[in-house]
Amino acid sequence: MATDLPPTGPNTGGSDNTVTQSVFGSTQFLTVAEVASLMRVSKMTVYRLVHSGELPAVRVGRSFRVHAKTVHDYLQTSYFDVS
């Protein structure tokens, strides 16, 4: 099975991260702790948002990962002007 991915490993000077960037472009997934820090809320609040479906996430083993753009979009749609 041939692939168009660049070679990686100790003898090629590449890193496994290069393959990830090639496949996913600039896709960045954040941990629950990172999302909580960005949003200035507790990790429990992020878990509630994920479990309620308000904040889409990917399950990796027993952990959740949230796409950075999803967090940005959620914050944009949640913004409201107090006046």
N, C-alpha and C. Protein backbone atom coordinates (compact mmCIF):
# COMPACT_ATOMS: atom_id res chain seq x y z
N MET A 1 0.84 -1.17 0.00
CA MET A 1 0.00 0.00 0.00
C MET A 1 0.89 1.24 0.00
N ALA A 2 0.87 2.00 -1.05
CA ALA A 2 1.69 3.20 -1.17
C ALA A 2 0.97 4.40 -0.59
N THR A 3 1.75 5.28 0.01
CA THR A 3 1.18 6.51 0.55
C THR A 3 1.97 7.69 0.03
N ASP A 4 1.37 8.85 0.08
CA ASP A 4 2.04 10.07 -0.35
C ASP A 4 2.61 10.83 0.83
N LEU A 5 2.63 10.22 2.00
CA LEU A 5 3.13 10.89 3.18
C LEU A 5 4.65 10.94 3.15
N PRO A 6 5.23 12.01 3.67
CA PRO A 6 6.69 12.10 3.69
C PRO A 6 7.27 11.07 4.65
N PRO A 7 8.47 10.58 4.37
CA PRO A 7 9.08 9.61 5.28
C PRO A 7 9.44 10.28 6.60
N THR A 8 9.33 9.52 7.68
CA THR A 8 9.68 10.05 9.00
C THR A 8 10.51 9.03 9.73
N GLY A 9 11.10 9.46 10.80
CA GLY A 9 11.87 8.55 11.62
C GLY A 9 13.25 9.09 11.88
N PRO A 10 14.07 8.33 12.61
CA PRO A 10 15.38 8.83 13.01
C PRO A 10 16.34 9.02 11.84
N ASN A 11 16.19 8.26 10.78
CA ASN A 11 17.12 8.36 9.65
C ASN A 11 16.70 9.36 8.59
N THR A 12 15.52 9.92 8.69
CA THR A 12 15.04 10.84 7.66
C THR A 12 15.04 12.28 8.11
N GLY A 13 15.30 12.52 9.38
CA GLY A 13 15.30 13.89 9.88
C GLY A 13 13.90 14.42 10.13
N GLY A 14 12.87 13.62 9.84
CA GLY A 14 11.49 14.05 10.05
C GLY A 14 11.02 13.65 11.42
N SER A 15 9.82 14.05 11.72
CA SER A 15 9.23 13.65 13.00
C SER A 15 7.84 13.11 12.74
N ASP A 16 7.31 12.37 13.67
CA ASP A 16 5.96 11.84 13.52
C ASP A 16 4.95 12.97 13.44
N ASN A 17 5.26 14.11 14.02
CA ASN A 17 4.38 15.27 13.99
C ASN A 17 4.22 15.77 12.55
N THR A 18 5.24 15.61 11.71
CA THR A 18 5.16 16.03 10.32
C THR A 18 4.05 15.27 9.60
N VAL A 19 3.94 13.98 9.86
CA VAL A 19 2.90 13.17 9.24
C VAL A 19 1.53 13.67 9.68
N THR A 20 1.38 13.93 10.96
CA THR A 20 0.10 14.42 11.48
C THR A 20 -0.27 15.73 10.82
N GLN A 21 0.68 16.64 10.68
CA GLN A 21 0.40 17.92 10.06
C GLN A 21 0.06 17.76 8.59
N SER A 22 0.69 16.81 7.90
CA SER A 22 0.39 16.59 6.49
C SER A 22 -1.03 16.07 6.30
N VAL A 23 -1.43 15.15 7.14
CA VAL A 23 -2.74 14.54 7.02
C VAL A 23 -3.85 15.49 7.46
N PHE A 24 -3.64 16.17 8.57
CA PHE A 24 -4.69 16.99 9.15
C PHE A 24 -4.51 18.48 8.91
N GLY A 25 -3.50 18.89 8.21
CA GLY A 25 -3.27 20.31 7.97
C GLY A 25 -2.98 21.01 9.28
N SER A 26 -3.73 22.05 9.56
CA SER A 26 -3.50 22.80 10.79
C SER A 26 -4.50 22.43 11.88
N THR A 27 -5.11 21.26 11.78
CA THR A 27 -6.09 20.82 12.76
C THR A 27 -5.41 20.69 14.12
N GLN A 28 -6.03 21.29 15.13
CA GLN A 28 -5.49 21.20 16.47
C GLN A 28 -6.60 20.76 17.42
N PHE A 29 -6.34 19.69 18.14
CA PHE A 29 -7.28 19.20 19.14
C PHE A 29 -6.76 19.57 20.52
N LEU A 30 -7.69 20.00 21.37
CA LEU A 30 -7.34 20.43 22.72
C LEU A 30 -7.86 19.45 23.76
N THR A 31 -7.14 19.32 24.85
CA THR A 31 -7.62 18.50 25.96
C THR A 31 -8.70 19.27 26.71
N VAL A 32 -9.41 18.56 27.57
CA VAL A 32 -10.44 19.20 28.38
C VAL A 32 -9.81 20.29 29.26
N ALA A 33 -8.64 20.02 29.81
CA ALA A 33 -7.96 21.01 30.65
C ALA A 33 -7.59 22.26 29.85
N GLU A 34 -7.13 22.07 28.61
CA GLU A 34 -6.79 23.21 27.76
C GLU A 34 -8.02 24.03 27.40
N VAL A 35 -9.12 23.35 27.10
CA VAL A 35 -10.38 24.05 26.79
C VAL A 35 -10.84 24.83 28.02
N ALA A 36 -10.78 24.21 29.19
CA ALA A 36 -11.19 24.89 30.42
C ALA A 36 -10.34 26.13 30.66
N SER A 37 -9.06 26.02 30.41
CA SER A 37 -8.17 27.16 30.59
C SER A 37 -8.50 28.29 29.62
N LEU A 38 -8.74 27.92 28.36
CA LEU A 38 -9.09 28.93 27.34
C LEU A 38 -10.39 29.64 27.67
N MET A 39 -11.36 28.87 28.14
CA MET A 39 -12.69 29.42 28.42
C MET A 39 -12.79 30.02 29.82
N ARG A 40 -11.75 29.82 30.65
CA ARG A 40 -11.74 30.29 32.03
C ARG A 40 -12.90 29.70 32.84
N VAL A 41 -13.08 28.38 32.66
CA VAL A 41 -14.10 27.65 33.42
C VAL A 41 -13.44 26.39 33.99
N SER A 42 -14.17 25.65 34.79
CA SER A 42 -13.62 24.41 35.35
C SER A 42 -13.68 23.28 34.31
N LYS A 43 -12.88 22.25 34.56
CA LYS A 43 -12.93 21.07 33.68
C LYS A 43 -14.31 20.43 33.73
N MET A 44 -14.95 20.45 34.89
CA MET A 44 -16.28 19.87 35.02
C MET A 44 -17.27 20.58 34.11
N THR A 45 -17.15 21.89 33.98
CA THR A 45 -18.03 22.64 33.07
C THR A 45 -17.82 22.19 31.63
N VAL A 46 -16.58 21.97 31.25
CA VAL A 46 -16.30 21.49 29.88
C VAL A 46 -16.89 20.10 29.70
N TYR A 47 -16.72 19.21 30.67
CA TYR A 47 -17.31 17.88 30.58
C TYR A 47 -18.83 17.96 30.44
N ARG A 48 -19.46 18.85 31.18
CA ARG A 48 -20.92 19.01 31.06
C ARG A 48 -21.30 19.46 29.66
N LEU A 49 -20.55 20.41 29.10
CA LEU A 49 -20.83 20.89 27.74
C LEU A 49 -20.67 19.77 26.72
N VAL A 50 -19.64 18.95 26.89
CA VAL A 50 -19.39 17.83 25.98
C VAL A 50 -20.51 16.80 26.10
N HIS A 51 -20.83 16.40 27.32
CA HIS A 51 -21.86 15.36 27.52
C HIS A 51 -23.25 15.82 27.10
N SER A 52 -23.52 17.12 27.20
CA SER A 52 -24.84 17.63 26.79
C SER A 52 -24.93 17.81 25.28
N GLY A 53 -23.79 17.73 24.59
CA GLY A 53 -23.79 17.90 23.14
C GLY A 53 -23.61 19.35 22.70
N GLU A 54 -23.49 20.27 23.65
CA GLU A 54 -23.30 21.67 23.29
C GLU A 54 -21.91 21.93 22.70
N LEU A 55 -20.94 21.14 23.12
CA LEU A 55 -19.57 21.27 22.64
C LEU A 55 -19.13 19.92 22.07
N PRO A 56 -19.15 19.79 20.74
CA PRO A 56 -18.76 18.52 20.12
C PRO A 56 -17.31 18.14 20.45
N ALA A 57 -17.09 16.87 20.68
CA ALA A 57 -15.75 16.39 21.02
C ALA A 57 -15.53 15.01 20.42
N VAL A 58 -14.27 14.64 20.35
CA VAL A 58 -13.86 13.32 19.86
C VAL A 58 -13.39 12.53 21.07
N ARG A 59 -13.82 11.30 21.14
CA ARG A 59 -13.37 10.45 22.24
C ARG A 59 -12.12 9.69 21.80
N VAL A 60 -11.06 9.80 22.57
CA VAL A 60 -9.81 9.09 22.31
C VAL A 60 -9.53 8.24 23.54
N GLY A 61 -9.82 6.96 23.43
CA GLY A 61 -9.71 6.10 24.60
C GLY A 61 -10.73 6.53 25.64
N ARG A 62 -10.24 6.90 26.82
CA ARG A 62 -11.13 7.38 27.88
C ARG A 62 -11.14 8.90 27.96
N SER A 63 -10.41 9.56 27.06
CA SER A 63 -10.29 11.02 27.09
C SER A 63 -11.10 11.66 25.98
N PHE A 64 -11.37 12.94 26.14
CA PHE A 64 -12.03 13.72 25.10
C PHE A 64 -11.04 14.72 24.52
N ARG A 65 -11.18 14.98 23.23
CA ARG A 65 -10.42 16.04 22.57
C ARG A 65 -11.41 16.90 21.83
N VAL A 66 -11.20 18.21 21.91
CA VAL A 66 -12.11 19.17 21.29
C VAL A 66 -11.33 19.95 20.24
N HIS A 67 -11.89 20.05 19.05
CA HIS A 67 -11.25 20.79 17.98
C HIS A 67 -11.18 22.27 18.37
N ALA A 68 -10.04 22.89 18.16
CA ALA A 68 -9.84 24.29 18.55
C ALA A 68 -10.87 25.21 17.89
N LYS A 69 -11.20 24.95 16.62
CA LYS A 69 -12.18 25.78 15.92
C LYS A 69 -13.56 25.63 16.56
N THR A 70 -13.87 24.45 17.04
CA THR A 70 -15.15 24.21 17.71
C THR A 70 -15.26 25.09 18.96
N VAL A 71 -14.18 25.19 19.72
CA VAL A 71 -14.18 26.04 20.91
C VAL A 71 -14.39 27.49 20.50
N HIS A 72 -13.66 27.92 19.48
CA HIS A 72 -13.79 29.30 18.99
C HIS A 72 -15.23 29.58 18.54
N ASP A 73 -15.80 28.66 17.76
CA ASP A 73 -17.17 28.83 17.28
C ASP A 73 -18.17 28.87 18.44
N TYR A 74 -17.97 28.00 19.42
CA TYR A 74 -18.86 27.97 20.58
C TYR A 74 -18.82 29.31 21.31
N LEU A 75 -17.63 29.84 21.52
CA LEU A 75 -17.51 31.12 22.21
C LEU A 75 -18.13 32.26 21.41
N GLN A 76 -17.97 32.21 20.08
CA GLN A 76 -18.55 33.25 19.22
C GLN A 76 -20.08 33.24 19.30
N THR A 77 -20.67 32.05 19.27
CA THR A 77 -22.14 31.96 19.29
C THR A 77 -22.70 32.19 20.70
N SER A 78 -21.87 32.02 21.72
CA SER A 78 -22.32 32.22 23.10
C SER A 78 -22.18 33.66 23.55
N TYR A 79 -21.49 34.45 22.78
CA TYR A 79 -21.25 35.85 23.15
C TYR A 79 -22.55 36.64 23.09
N PHE A 80 -22.81 37.42 24.12
CA PHE A 80 -23.97 38.29 24.05
C PHE A 80 -23.65 39.61 24.73
N ASP A 81 -24.24 40.66 24.22
CA ASP A 81 -23.95 42.02 24.66
C ASP A 81 -24.86 42.39 25.83
N VAL A 82 -24.25 42.82 26.90
CA VAL A 82 -25.01 43.26 28.06
C VAL A 82 -25.18 44.76 27.96
N SER A 83 -26.42 45.17 27.78
CA SER A 83 -26.65 46.62 27.69
C SER A 83 -27.99 47.02 28.25
